[in-house]
Amino acid sequence: MSDKRLIILNRGKFILFFTFVFVLLALIVGAVWYADYQINVPLDSQGQEKVFVIEKGEGLKTVADKLEKENLVRQKFWFTAYVFYRGWAGQLKAGEFILSPSMTTPEIAREIIGQALAQEIKVTIPEGFALKKIDARLAAAGLIRAGELLAQSSNLEGYLFPDTYQFEKDAGLDEIIGKMTDNFDQKVDQDLRDEIAAQGKTLKEIVALASIIEKEVSNDGDRQIVSGIFWQRLKDNYPLQSCATIAYILGIDKWRYSIDDTKIDSPYNTYQNTGLPPGPICNPGLKSIEAAIYPQKTDYYFFLSKPDGETVFSKTLEEHNLNKAKYLN
């Protein structure tokens, strides 16, 4: 092939590539302009306000269909796409809304979702909260009367999963409990439950031990080691000797508990009784639950927590007592 023909061929390829890039950019610019027009330009700048009703149980697809049929948005697709983009798809609530064709799609979406969010209260339940503290937090948020949760659900200690929740202002106690226990069931999934059963243990045993681990250990990396210590003690019929259970009995947290504290007559006293307490002492997070299911076997038999939260492990009682004198006195 001659140099002249090669130059012509290369020039043709360049022109073809340039044309492709130009057309592609034109399509992108056109698509962006079209999307912006559909979303940010009102359907009718002179349109009148009207009452738009969302019935209970109506989802995003139904709402988008109604908005288009009532001439409030150009195309339901763009309303749906915008709501999905903002992460609001699950935030629609029943109610009456004053909307107008003179509003843009984002304005309509914010009007609908904003009112829905205004009807909700956000509550965070930290890992390790016992029922008493959950009751107080829900009462402080105005969702229940003080003591209402304690009166109805004392058997749910350990199963109200710690998380951040959005509750409607008028949510009843049953709805609140249902949302938290459903969350527990989702987090403690079938795979974990199958593993518990395969080990010959029960969910109640796992949650009870996980609740102690949650209160005893702040370092995630130490949870499985502490779990291994506790399971070995249970196997040996040796008391768990958990200060967390004494705190649960007394209803107060102290840096150190007295000898008299550890002699309190209670089935939850793991200094005076062997085995697990009758039930969980708090509502543990998933990491503590997983640690209870998957303990790490070591030669350690004792541990303590330093003031800075670090866990110190010991193999013998003598070594443990030396560590107590070193770090806790």
C-alpha atoms as a PDB file:
ATOM      1  CA  MET A   1       0.000   0.000   0.000  1.00  0.00           C
ATOM      2  CA  SER A   2       1.393   3.407  -0.962  1.00  0.00           C
ATOM      3  CA  ASP A   3       2.011   6.121   1.590  1.00  0.00           C
ATOM      4  CA  LYS A   4      -0.639   8.279  -0.093  1.00  0.00           C
ATOM      5  CA  ARG A   5      -3.331   5.592   0.211  1.00  0.00           C
ATOM      6  CA  LEU A   6      -2.289   4.970   3.831  1.00  0.00           C
ATOM      7  CA  ILE A   7      -2.645   8.653   4.638  1.00  0.00           C
ATOM      8  CA  ILE A   8      -6.094   8.743   3.025  1.00  0.00           C
ATOM      9  CA  LEU A   9      -7.157   5.607   4.937  1.00  0.00           C
ATOM     10  CA  ASN A  10      -5.924   6.971   8.266  1.00  0.00           C
ATOM     11  CA  ARG A  11      -7.629  10.278   7.569  1.00  0.00           C
ATOM     12  CA  GLY A  12     -10.864   8.419   6.887  1.00  0.00           C
ATOM     13  CA  LYS A  13     -10.566   6.493  10.151  1.00  0.00           C
ATOM     14  CA  PHE A  14      -9.926   9.729  12.014  1.00  0.00           C
ATOM     15  CA  ILE A  15     -12.967  11.381  10.465  1.00  0.00           C
ATOM     16  CA  LEU A  16     -15.087   8.320  11.287  1.00  0.00           C
ATOM     17  CA  PHE A  17     -13.846   8.291  14.908  1.00  0.00           C
ATOM     18  CA  PHE A  18     -14.388  12.055  15.256  1.00  0.00           C
ATOM     19  CA  THR A  19     -17.896  11.697  13.852  1.00  0.00           C
ATOM     20  CA  PHE A  20     -18.674   8.868  16.282  1.00  0.00           C
ATOM     21  CA  VAL A  21     -17.418  10.896  19.259  1.00  0.00           C
ATOM     22  CA  PHE A  22     -19.356  13.960  18.110  1.00  0.00           C
ATOM     23  CA  VAL A  23     -22.581  11.989  17.703  1.00  0.00           C
ATOM     24  CA  LEU A  24     -22.075  10.279  21.066  1.00  0.00           C
ATOM     25  CA  LEU A  25     -21.506  13.609  22.823  1.00  0.00           C
ATOM     26  CA  ALA A  26     -24.515  15.078  21.063  1.00  0.00           C
ATOM     27  CA  LEU A  27     -26.661  12.173  22.256  1.00  0.00           C
ATOM     28  CA  ILE A  28     -25.388  12.541  25.822  1.00  0.00           C
ATOM     29  CA  VAL A  29     -25.979  16.297  25.836  1.00  0.00           C
ATOM     30  CA  GLY A  30     -29.412  15.761  24.338  1.00  0.00           C
ATOM     31  CA  ALA A  31     -30.295  13.110  26.897  1.00  0.00           C
ATOM     32  CA  VAL A  32     -29.144  15.319  29.774  1.00  0.00           C
ATOM     33  CA  TRP A  33     -31.129  18.265  28.404  1.00  0.00           C
ATOM     34  CA  TYR A  34     -34.205  16.099  27.934  1.00  0.00           C
ATOM     35  CA  ALA A  35     -33.982  14.661  31.448  1.00  0.00           C
ATOM     36  CA  ASP A  36     -33.467  18.133  32.915  1.00  0.00           C
ATOM     37  CA  TYR A  37     -36.480  19.402  30.974  1.00  0.00           C
ATOM     38  CA  GLN A  38     -38.680  16.541  32.147  1.00  0.00           C
ATOM     39  CA  ILE A  39     -37.632  16.903  35.783  1.00  0.00           C
ATOM     40  CA  ASN A  40     -37.016  20.608  36.348  1.00  0.00           C
ATOM     41  CA  VAL A  41     -39.522  22.347  34.048  1.00  0.00           C
ATOM     42  CA  PRO A  42     -43.115  22.476  35.377  1.00  0.00           C
ATOM     43  CA  LEU A  43     -45.868  20.925  33.309  1.00  0.00           C
ATOM     44  CA  ASP A  44     -47.899  24.158  33.432  1.00  0.00           C
ATOM     45  CA  SER A  45     -46.430  27.297  34.972  1.00  0.00           C
ATOM     46  CA  GLN A  46     -49.949  28.745  35.290  1.00  0.00           C
ATOM     47  CA  GLY A  47     -51.496  25.582  36.719  1.00  0.00           C
ATOM     48  CA  GLN A  48     -53.826  25.736  39.719  1.00  0.00           C
ATOM     49  CA  GLU A  49     -53.341  23.972  43.035  1.00  0.00           C
ATOM     50  CA  LYS A  50     -55.282  20.790  43.688  1.00  0.00           C
ATOM     51  CA  VAL A  51     -55.590  18.229  46.464  1.00  0.00           C
ATOM     52  CA  PHE A  52     -53.656  15.056  45.684  1.00  0.00           C
ATOM     53  CA  VAL A  53     -54.514  12.009  47.792  1.00  0.00           C
ATOM     54  CA  ILE A  54     -52.283   9.030  48.536  1.00  0.00           C
ATOM     55  CA  GLU A  55     -54.319   6.170  49.942  1.00  0.00           C
ATOM     56  CA  LYS A  56     -52.944   3.820  52.566  1.00  0.00           C
ATOM     57  CA  GLY A  57     -50.953   1.006  50.974  1.00  0.00           C
ATOM     58  CA  GLU A  58     -50.294   2.778  47.672  1.00  0.00           C
ATOM     59  CA  GLY A  59     -46.727   2.353  46.465  1.00  0.00           C
ATOM     60  CA  LEU A  60     -44.465   4.425  44.259  1.00  0.00           C
ATOM     61  CA  LYS A  61     -45.781   2.982  40.974  1.00  0.00           C
ATOM     62  CA  THR A  62     -49.393   3.783  41.848  1.00  0.00           C
ATOM     63  CA  VAL A  63     -48.531   7.280  43.062  1.00  0.00           C
ATOM     64  CA  ALA A  64     -46.538   8.006  39.889  1.00  0.00           C
ATOM     65  CA  ASP A  65     -49.444   6.770  37.731  1.00  0.00           C
ATOM     66  CA  LYS A  66     -51.873   9.059  39.577  1.00  0.00           C
ATOM     67  CA  LEU A  67     -49.577  12.076  39.291  1.00  0.00           C
ATOM     68  CA  GLU A  68     -49.393  11.632  35.528  1.00  0.00           C
ATOM     69  CA  LYS A  69     -53.145  11.035  35.138  1.00  0.00           C
ATOM     70  CA  GLU A  70     -53.929  14.147  37.189  1.00  0.00           C
ATOM     71  CA  ASN A  71     -51.562  16.205  34.994  1.00  0.00           C
ATOM     72  CA  LEU A  72     -49.156  17.051  37.792  1.00  0.00           C
ATOM     73  CA  VAL A  73     -46.050  15.615  36.111  1.00  0.00           C
ATOM     74  CA  ARG A  74     -45.163  15.126  32.448  1.00  0.00           C
ATOM     75  CA  GLN A  75     -44.167  11.502  32.671  1.00  0.00           C
ATOM     76  CA  LYS A  76     -44.433   9.114  35.596  1.00  0.00           C
ATOM     77  CA  PHE A  77     -41.067   7.589  34.639  1.00  0.00           C
ATOM     78  CA  TRP A  78     -39.153  10.731  35.575  1.00  0.00           C
ATOM     79  CA  PHE A  79     -40.931  11.110  38.898  1.00  0.00           C
ATOM     80  CA  THR A  80     -40.175   7.472  39.708  1.00  0.00           C
ATOM     81  CA  ALA A  81     -36.554   7.840  38.605  1.00  0.00           C
ATOM     82  CA  TYR A  82     -36.065  10.978  40.705  1.00  0.00           C
ATOM     83  CA  VAL A  83     -37.561   9.396  43.839  1.00  0.00           C
ATOM     84  CA  PHE A  84     -35.350   6.309  43.403  1.00  0.00           C
ATOM     85  CA  TYR A  85     -32.299   8.520  42.829  1.00  0.00           C
ATOM     86  CA  ARG A  86     -32.944  10.333  46.123  1.00  0.00           C
ATOM     87  CA  GLY A  87     -33.506   7.053  48.002  1.00  0.00           C
ATOM     88  CA  TRP A  88     -37.083   7.970  48.908  1.00  0.00           C
ATOM     89  CA  ALA A  89     -38.874   5.003  47.354  1.00  0.00           C
ATOM     90  CA  GLY A  90     -39.861   3.540  50.725  1.00  0.00           C
ATOM     91  CA  GLN A  91     -40.832   6.855  52.343  1.00  0.00           C
ATOM     92  CA  LEU A  92     -44.278   7.383  50.787  1.00  0.00           C
ATOM     93  CA  LYS A  93     -47.095   7.781  53.304  1.00  0.00           C
ATOM     94  CA  ALA A  94     -50.843   8.094  52.977  1.00  0.00           C
ATOM     95  CA  GLY A  95     -52.270  11.592  53.194  1.00  0.00           C
ATOM     96  CA  GLU A  96     -53.556  14.673  51.394  1.00  0.00           C
ATOM     97  CA  PHE A  97     -51.109  16.990  49.628  1.00  0.00           C
ATOM     98  CA  ILE A  98     -51.590  20.395  47.986  1.00  0.00           C
ATOM     99  CA  LEU A  99     -49.828  20.130  44.622  1.00  0.00           C
ATOM    100  CA  SER A 100     -49.793  22.095  41.387  1.00  0.00           C
ATOM    101  CA  PRO A 101     -48.673  21.572  37.756  1.00  0.00           C
ATOM    102  CA  SER A 102     -46.590  24.710  38.277  1.00  0.00           C
ATOM    103  CA  MET A 103     -44.314  22.699  40.588  1.00  0.00           C
ATOM    104  CA  THR A 104     -41.256  20.848  39.296  1.00  0.00           C
ATOM    105  CA  THR A 105     -40.852  17.120  39.816  1.00  0.00           C
ATOM    106  CA  PRO A 106     -38.332  17.629  42.685  1.00  0.00           C
ATOM    107  CA  GLU A 107     -40.713  20.102  44.355  1.00  0.00           C
ATOM    108  CA  ILE A 108     -43.603  17.645  44.140  1.00  0.00           C
ATOM    109  CA  ALA A 109     -41.426  14.808  45.460  1.00  0.00           C
ATOM    110  CA  ARG A 110     -40.139  16.935  48.346  1.00  0.00           C
ATOM    111  CA  GLU A 111     -43.657  18.046  49.220  1.00  0.00           C
ATOM    112  CA  ILE A 112     -44.876  14.456  49.419  1.00  0.00           C
ATOM    113  CA  ILE A 113     -41.809  12.949  51.088  1.00  0.00           C
ATOM    114  CA  GLY A 114     -41.187  15.941  53.345  1.00  0.00           C
ATOM    115  CA  GLN A 115     -44.609  15.634  54.922  1.00  0.00           C
ATOM    116  CA  ALA A 116     -44.114  11.900  55.320  1.00  0.00           C
ATOM    117  CA  LEU A 117     -40.762  12.386  57.045  1.00  0.00           C
ATOM    118  CA  ALA A 118     -42.240  15.094  59.271  1.00  0.00           C
ATOM    119  CA  GLN A 119     -44.677  12.492  60.566  1.00  0.00           C
ATOM    120  CA  GLU A 120     -41.827  10.215  61.691  1.00  0.00           C
ATOM    121  CA  ILE A 121     -39.561  10.203  64.720  1.00  0.00           C
ATOM    122  CA  LYS A 122     -35.995   8.939  64.500  1.00  0.00           C
ATOM    123  CA  VAL A 123     -34.766   6.898  67.464  1.00  0.00           C
ATOM    124  CA  THR A 124     -31.386   5.236  67.928  1.00  0.00           C
ATOM    125  CA  ILE A 125     -31.160   2.223  70.239  1.00  0.00           C
ATOM    126  CA  PRO A 126     -27.460   1.548  71.016  1.00  0.00           C
ATOM    127  CA  GLU A 127     -26.057  -1.944  71.323  1.00  0.00           C
ATOM    128  CA  GLY A 128     -26.229  -3.164  74.902  1.00  0.00           C
ATOM    129  CA  PHE A 129     -29.332  -1.203  75.924  1.00  0.00           C
ATOM    130  CA  ALA A 130     -31.577  -3.153  78.296  1.00  0.00           C
ATOM    131  CA  LEU A 131     -35.376  -2.908  78.152  1.00  0.00           C
ATOM    132  CA  LYS A 132     -35.372  -0.276  80.896  1.00  0.00           C
ATOM    133  CA  LYS A 133     -33.176   2.060  78.846  1.00  0.00           C
ATOM    134  CA  ILE A 134     -35.092   1.374  75.624  1.00  0.00           C
ATOM    135  CA  ASP A 135     -38.318   2.217  77.447  1.00  0.00           C
ATOM    136  CA  ALA A 136     -36.833   5.510  78.671  1.00  0.00           C
ATOM    137  CA  ARG A 137     -35.543   6.447  75.217  1.00  0.00           C
ATOM    138  CA  LEU A 138     -38.855   5.723  73.485  1.00  0.00           C
ATOM    139  CA  ALA A 139     -40.693   7.680  76.178  1.00  0.00           C
ATOM    140  CA  ALA A 140     -38.301  10.632  75.790  1.00  0.00           C
ATOM    141  CA  ALA A 141     -39.062  10.614  72.055  1.00  0.00           C
ATOM    142  CA  GLY A 142     -42.769  10.845  72.835  1.00  0.00           C
ATOM    143  CA  LEU A 143     -43.587   7.472  71.305  1.00  0.00           C
ATOM    144  CA  ILE A 144     -44.771   5.686  74.462  1.00  0.00           C
ATOM    145  CA  ARG A 145     -45.597   6.400  78.096  1.00  0.00           C
ATOM    146  CA  ALA A 146     -42.774   5.787  80.560  1.00  0.00           C
ATOM    147  CA  GLY A 147     -42.898   2.179  81.719  1.00  0.00           C
ATOM    148  CA  GLU A 148     -45.207   1.063  78.900  1.00  0.00           C
ATOM    149  CA  LEU A 149     -42.609  -1.123  77.186  1.00  0.00           C
ATOM    150  CA  LEU A 150     -41.498  -2.687  80.471  1.00  0.00           C
ATOM    151  CA  ALA A 151     -45.078  -3.541  81.381  1.00  0.00           C
ATOM    152  CA  GLN A 152     -45.814  -5.305  78.102  1.00  0.00           C
ATOM    153  CA  SER A 153     -42.607  -6.957  76.919  1.00  0.00           C
ATOM    154  CA  SER A 154     -40.393  -8.099  79.781  1.00  0.00           C
ATOM    155  CA  ASN A 155     -39.873 -11.400  77.942  1.00  0.00           C
ATOM    156  CA  LEU A 156     -38.357  -9.594  74.938  1.00  0.00           C
ATOM    157  CA  GLU A 157     -35.090  -8.643  76.613  1.00  0.00           C
ATOM    158  CA  GLY A 158     -32.381  -9.499  74.100  1.00  0.00           C
ATOM    159  CA  TYR A 159     -34.644  -9.583  71.041  1.00  0.00           C
ATOM    160  CA  LEU A 160     -35.242  -5.863  70.393  1.00  0.00           C
ATOM    161  CA  PHE A 161     -32.433  -5.354  67.916  1.00  0.00           C
ATOM    162  CA  PRO A 162     -30.281  -2.255  68.495  1.00  0.00           C
ATOM    163  CA  ASP A 163     -30.420   0.036  65.474  1.00  0.00           C
ATOM    164  CA  THR A 164     -31.644   3.424  64.241  1.00  0.00           C
ATOM    165  CA  TYR A 165     -35.378   3.383  63.571  1.00  0.00           C
ATOM    166  CA  GLN A 166     -37.955   5.672  61.968  1.00  0.00           C
ATOM    167  CA  PHE A 167     -41.315   5.431  63.728  1.00  0.00           C
ATOM    168  CA  GLU A 168     -44.486   7.290  62.802  1.00  0.00           C
ATOM    169  CA  LYS A 169     -45.606   9.676  65.530  1.00  0.00           C
ATOM    170  CA  ASP A 170     -48.771   7.694  66.135  1.00  0.00           C
ATOM    171  CA  ALA A 171     -47.103   4.270  66.000  1.00  0.00           C
ATOM    172  CA  GLY A 172     -48.458   2.010  68.701  1.00  0.00           C
ATOM    173  CA  LEU A 173     -46.315  -0.082  71.018  1.00  0.00           C
ATOM    174  CA  ASP A 174     -47.115  -3.277  69.110  1.00  0.00           C
ATOM    175  CA  GLU A 175     -45.863  -1.690  65.875  1.00  0.00           C
ATOM    176  CA  ILE A 176     -42.660  -0.499  67.573  1.00  0.00           C
ATOM    177  CA  ILE A 177     -41.975  -3.916  69.081  1.00  0.00           C
ATOM    178  CA  GLY A 178     -42.802  -5.606  65.775  1.00  0.00           C
ATOM    179  CA  LYS A 179     -40.362  -3.439  63.857  1.00  0.00           C
ATOM    180  CA  MET A 180     -37.536  -4.183  66.296  1.00  0.00           C
ATOM    181  CA  THR A 181     -38.165  -7.923  66.530  1.00  0.00           C
ATOM    182  CA  ASP A 182     -38.511  -8.160  62.742  1.00  0.00           C
ATOM    183  CA  ASN A 183     -35.097  -6.505  62.512  1.00  0.00           C
ATOM    184  CA  PHE A 184     -33.718  -9.103  64.928  1.00  0.00           C
ATOM    185  CA  ASP A 185     -35.139 -11.906  62.764  1.00  0.00           C
ATOM    186  CA  GLN A 186     -33.544 -10.399  59.650  1.00  0.00           C
ATOM    187  CA  LYS A 187     -30.133  -9.947  61.263  1.00  0.00           C
ATOM    188  CA  VAL A 188     -30.090 -13.344  62.993  1.00  0.00           C
ATOM    189  CA  ASP A 189     -30.878 -15.107  59.739  1.00  0.00           C
ATOM    190  CA  GLN A 190     -31.558 -18.750  58.957  1.00  0.00           C
ATOM    191  CA  ASP A 191     -27.887 -19.549  58.344  1.00  0.00           C
ATOM    192  CA  LEU A 192     -26.992 -18.423  61.870  1.00  0.00           C
ATOM    193  CA  ARG A 193     -29.953 -20.301  63.336  1.00  0.00           C
ATOM    194  CA  ASP A 194     -28.953 -23.455  61.472  1.00  0.00           C
ATOM    195  CA  GLU A 195     -25.436 -23.155  62.903  1.00  0.00           C
ATOM    196  CA  ILE A 196     -26.838 -22.730  66.420  1.00  0.00           C
ATOM    197  CA  ALA A 197     -28.955 -25.867  65.991  1.00  0.00           C
ATOM    198  CA  ALA A 198     -26.002 -27.792  64.535  1.00  0.00           C
ATOM    199  CA  GLN A 199     -24.035 -27.009  67.705  1.00  0.00           C
ATOM    200  CA  GLY A 200     -26.851 -28.385  69.859  1.00  0.00           C
ATOM    201  CA  LYS A 201     -27.549 -24.971  71.369  1.00  0.00           C
ATOM    202  CA  THR A 202     -30.666 -22.816  71.510  1.00  0.00           C
ATOM    203  CA  LEU A 203     -31.240 -19.255  70.347  1.00  0.00           C
ATOM    204  CA  LYS A 204     -32.066 -18.279  73.928  1.00  0.00           C
ATOM    205  CA  GLU A 205     -28.690 -19.578  75.146  1.00  0.00           C
ATOM    206  CA  ILE A 206     -26.848 -17.735  72.377  1.00  0.00           C
ATOM    207  CA  VAL A 207     -28.632 -14.436  73.004  1.00  0.00           C
ATOM    208  CA  ALA A 208     -28.146 -14.744  76.768  1.00  0.00           C
ATOM    209  CA  LEU A 209     -24.394 -15.227  76.385  1.00  0.00           C
ATOM    210  CA  ALA A 210     -24.182 -12.589  73.644  1.00  0.00           C
ATOM    211  CA  SER A 211     -25.810 -10.076  75.985  1.00  0.00           C
ATOM    212  CA  ILE A 212     -23.089 -10.716  78.583  1.00  0.00           C
ATOM    213  CA  ILE A 213     -20.351 -10.454  75.952  1.00  0.00           C
ATOM    214  CA  GLU A 214     -21.883  -7.154  74.759  1.00  0.00           C
ATOM    215  CA  LYS A 215     -21.615  -5.631  78.229  1.00  0.00           C
ATOM    216  CA  GLU A 216     -18.250  -7.130  79.123  1.00  0.00           C
ATOM    217  CA  VAL A 217     -16.198  -6.383  76.002  1.00  0.00           C
ATOM    218  CA  SER A 218     -15.884  -3.125  74.060  1.00  0.00           C
ATOM    219  CA  ASN A 219     -13.189  -4.325  71.646  1.00  0.00           C
ATOM    220  CA  ASP A 220     -14.661  -6.231  68.702  1.00  0.00           C
ATOM    221  CA  GLY A 221     -11.492  -8.262  68.260  1.00  0.00           C
ATOM    222  CA  ASP A 222     -11.784  -9.710  71.779  1.00  0.00           C
ATOM    223  CA  ARG A 223     -15.414 -10.821  71.676  1.00  0.00           C
ATOM    224  CA  GLN A 224     -14.751 -14.300  70.290  1.00  0.00           C
ATOM    225  CA  ILE A 225     -11.948 -14.920  72.803  1.00  0.00           C
ATOM    226  CA  VAL A 226     -14.221 -13.942  75.699  1.00  0.00           C
ATOM    227  CA  SER A 227     -16.937 -16.120  74.189  1.00  0.00           C
ATOM    228  CA  GLY A 228     -14.506 -19.047  74.184  1.00  0.00           C
ATOM    229  CA  ILE A 229     -13.702 -18.443  77.856  1.00  0.00           C
ATOM    230  CA  PHE A 230     -17.375 -18.363  78.817  1.00  0.00           C
ATOM    231  CA  TRP A 231     -18.278 -21.497  76.860  1.00  0.00           C
ATOM    232  CA  GLN A 232     -15.364 -23.356  78.454  1.00  0.00           C
ATOM    233  CA  ARG A 233     -16.528 -22.288  81.909  1.00  0.00           C
ATOM    234  CA  LEU A 234     -20.040 -23.462  81.128  1.00  0.00           C
ATOM    235  CA  LYS A 235     -18.625 -26.800  80.006  1.00  0.00           C
ATOM    236  CA  ASP A 236     -16.607 -27.045  83.241  1.00  0.00           C
ATOM    237  CA  ASN A 237     -19.624 -26.023  85.366  1.00  0.00           C
ATOM    238  CA  TYR A 238     -17.553 -23.055  86.575  1.00  0.00           C
ATOM    239  CA  PRO A 239     -19.328 -19.735  87.358  1.00  0.00           C
ATOM    240  CA  LEU A 240     -19.171 -17.126  84.603  1.00  0.00           C
ATOM    241  CA  GLN A 241     -18.484 -14.450  87.250  1.00  0.00           C
ATOM    242  CA  SER A 242     -19.678 -11.596  85.054  1.00  0.00           C
ATOM    243  CA  CYS A 243     -19.931  -8.163  86.645  1.00  0.00           C
ATOM    244  CA  ALA A 244     -22.380  -7.279  83.888  1.00  0.00           C
ATOM    245  CA  THR A 245     -24.957  -9.581  85.468  1.00  0.00           C
ATOM    246  CA  ILE A 246     -24.485  -7.846  88.835  1.00  0.00           C
ATOM    247  CA  ALA A 247     -25.047  -4.488  87.116  1.00  0.00           C
ATOM    248  CA  TYR A 248     -28.261  -5.882  85.631  1.00  0.00           C
ATOM    249  CA  ILE A 249     -29.501  -7.014  89.044  1.00  0.00           C
ATOM    250  CA  LEU A 250     -28.666  -3.704  90.739  1.00  0.00           C
ATOM    251  CA  GLY A 251     -29.828  -1.579  87.833  1.00  0.00           C
ATOM    252  CA  ILE A 252     -26.695   0.569  88.016  1.00  0.00           C
ATOM    253  CA  ASP A 253     -23.289   0.520  86.352  1.00  0.00           C
ATOM    254  CA  LYS A 254     -20.248   0.804  88.609  1.00  0.00           C
ATOM    255  CA  TRP A 255     -16.544   0.639  87.829  1.00  0.00           C
ATOM    256  CA  ARG A 256     -16.042  -1.984  90.530  1.00  0.00           C
ATOM    257  CA  TYR A 257     -18.499  -4.093  92.481  1.00  0.00           C
ATOM    258  CA  SER A 258     -18.076  -5.074  96.111  1.00  0.00           C
ATOM    259  CA  ILE A 259     -17.920  -8.587  97.520  1.00  0.00           C
ATOM    260  CA  ASP A 260     -21.384  -7.970  98.985  1.00  0.00           C
ATOM    261  CA  ASP A 261     -22.656  -7.067  95.510  1.00  0.00           C
ATOM    262  CA  THR A 262     -21.512 -10.422  94.170  1.00  0.00           C
ATOM    263  CA  LYS A 263     -23.429 -12.219  96.953  1.00  0.00           C
ATOM    264  CA  ILE A 264     -26.843 -10.835  95.983  1.00  0.00           C
ATOM    265  CA  ASP A 265     -29.485 -13.555  95.893  1.00  0.00           C
ATOM    266  CA  SER A 266     -30.670 -13.621  92.291  1.00  0.00           C
ATOM    267  CA  PRO A 267     -30.857 -16.203  89.503  1.00  0.00           C
ATOM    268  CA  TYR A 268     -28.990 -13.640  87.384  1.00  0.00           C
ATOM    269  CA  ASN A 269     -26.014 -13.643  89.770  1.00  0.00           C
ATOM    270  CA  THR A 270     -23.307 -15.476  87.816  1.00  0.00           C
ATOM    271  CA  TYR A 271     -20.952 -15.365  90.802  1.00  0.00           C
ATOM    272  CA  GLN A 272     -23.272 -17.449  92.976  1.00  0.00           C
ATOM    273  CA  ASN A 273     -24.783 -19.614  90.237  1.00  0.00           C
ATOM    274  CA  THR A 274     -23.248 -21.761  87.531  1.00  0.00           C
ATOM    275  CA  GLY A 275     -24.635 -21.843  84.018  1.00  0.00           C
ATOM    276  CA  LEU A 276     -26.261 -19.059  82.064  1.00  0.00           C
ATOM    277  CA  PRO A 277     -28.675 -16.586  83.664  1.00  0.00           C
ATOM    278  CA  PRO A 278     -32.412 -17.178  83.045  1.00  0.00           C
ATOM    279  CA  GLY A 279     -32.331 -14.844  80.049  1.00  0.00           C
ATOM    280  CA  PRO A 280     -30.441 -12.021  78.319  1.00  0.00           C
ATOM    281  CA  ILE A 281     -29.365  -8.991  80.348  1.00  0.00           C
ATOM    282  CA  CYS A 282     -29.462  -6.543  77.430  1.00  0.00           C
ATOM    283  CA  ASN A 283     -30.094  -6.360  73.713  1.00  0.00           C
ATOM    284  CA  PRO A 284     -26.817  -7.316  72.018  1.00  0.00           C
ATOM    285  CA  GLY A 285     -25.580  -6.299  68.594  1.00  0.00           C
ATOM    286  CA  LEU A 286     -24.845  -8.700  65.770  1.00  0.00           C
ATOM    287  CA  LYS A 287     -21.088  -8.891  66.479  1.00  0.00           C
ATOM    288  CA  SER A 288     -21.707 -10.156  70.001  1.00  0.00           C
ATOM    289  CA  ILE A 289     -24.300 -12.640  68.748  1.00  0.00           C
ATOM    290  CA  GLU A 290     -21.870 -13.939  66.135  1.00  0.00           C
ATOM    291  CA  ALA A 291     -19.133 -14.155  68.782  1.00  0.00           C
ATOM    292  CA  ALA A 292     -21.422 -16.295  70.942  1.00  0.00           C
ATOM    293  CA  ILE A 293     -22.043 -18.583  67.971  1.00  0.00           C
ATOM    294  CA  TYR A 294     -18.409 -18.728  66.831  1.00  0.00           C
ATOM    295  CA  PRO A 295     -16.191 -18.705  69.955  1.00  0.00           C
ATOM    296  CA  GLN A 296     -12.419 -18.729  69.673  1.00  0.00           C
ATOM    297  CA  LYS A 297     -10.808 -21.519  71.671  1.00  0.00           C
ATOM    298  CA  THR A 298      -7.707 -20.462  73.632  1.00  0.00           C
ATOM    299  CA  ASP A 299      -5.880 -21.410  76.830  1.00  0.00           C
ATOM    300  CA  TYR A 300      -7.294 -18.333  78.583  1.00  0.00           C
ATOM    301  CA  TYR A 301      -9.720 -18.793  81.454  1.00  0.00           C
ATOM    302  CA  PHE A 302      -9.910 -15.289  82.948  1.00  0.00           C
ATOM    303  CA  PHE A 303     -10.046 -11.725  81.663  1.00  0.00           C
ATOM    304  CA  LEU A 304     -10.542  -8.165  82.839  1.00  0.00           C
ATOM    305  CA  SER A 305     -11.109  -4.799  81.197  1.00  0.00           C
ATOM    306  CA  LYS A 306      -8.670  -1.973  81.840  1.00  0.00           C
ATOM    307  CA  PRO A 307      -9.995   1.577  82.362  1.00  0.00           C
ATOM    308  CA  ASP A 308      -9.227   2.350  78.710  1.00  0.00           C
ATOM    309  CA  GLY A 309     -11.344  -0.610  77.549  1.00  0.00           C
ATOM    310  CA  GLU A 310      -8.451  -2.910  76.661  1.00  0.00           C
ATOM    311  CA  THR A 311      -9.077  -6.557  77.541  1.00  0.00           C
ATOM    312  CA  VAL A 312      -6.350  -8.376  79.481  1.00  0.00           C
ATOM    313  CA  PHE A 313      -6.442 -12.178  79.400  1.00  0.00           C
ATOM    314  CA  SER A 314      -5.019 -14.692  81.873  1.00  0.00           C
ATOM    315  CA  LYS A 315      -4.557 -18.449  81.852  1.00  0.00           C
ATOM    316  CA  THR A 316      -4.539 -18.979  85.626  1.00  0.00           C
ATOM    317  CA  LEU A 317      -6.275 -17.442  88.643  1.00  0.00           C
ATOM    318  CA  GLU A 318      -2.889 -16.417  90.036  1.00  0.00           C
ATOM    319  CA  GLU A 319      -2.059 -14.541  86.842  1.00  0.00           C
ATOM    320  CA  HIS A 320      -5.539 -12.984  86.827  1.00  0.00           C
ATOM    321  CA  ASN A 321      -5.133 -11.717  90.403  1.00  0.00           C
ATOM    322  CA  LEU A 322      -1.784 -10.165  89.486  1.00  0.00           C
ATOM    323  CA  ASN A 323      -3.450  -8.396  86.556  1.00  0.00           C
ATOM    324  CA  LYS A 324      -6.219  -7.117  88.824  1.00  0.00           C
ATOM    325  CA  ALA A 325      -3.645  -5.694  91.220  1.00  0.00           C
ATOM    326  CA  LYS A 326      -1.744  -4.139  88.323  1.00  0.00           C
ATOM    327  CA  TYR A 327      -4.588  -2.615  86.326  1.00  0.00           C
ATOM    328  CA  LEU A 328      -7.551  -2.157  88.664  1.00  0.00           C
ATOM    329  CA  ASN A 329      -6.078  -1.007  91.970  1.00  0.00           C
END
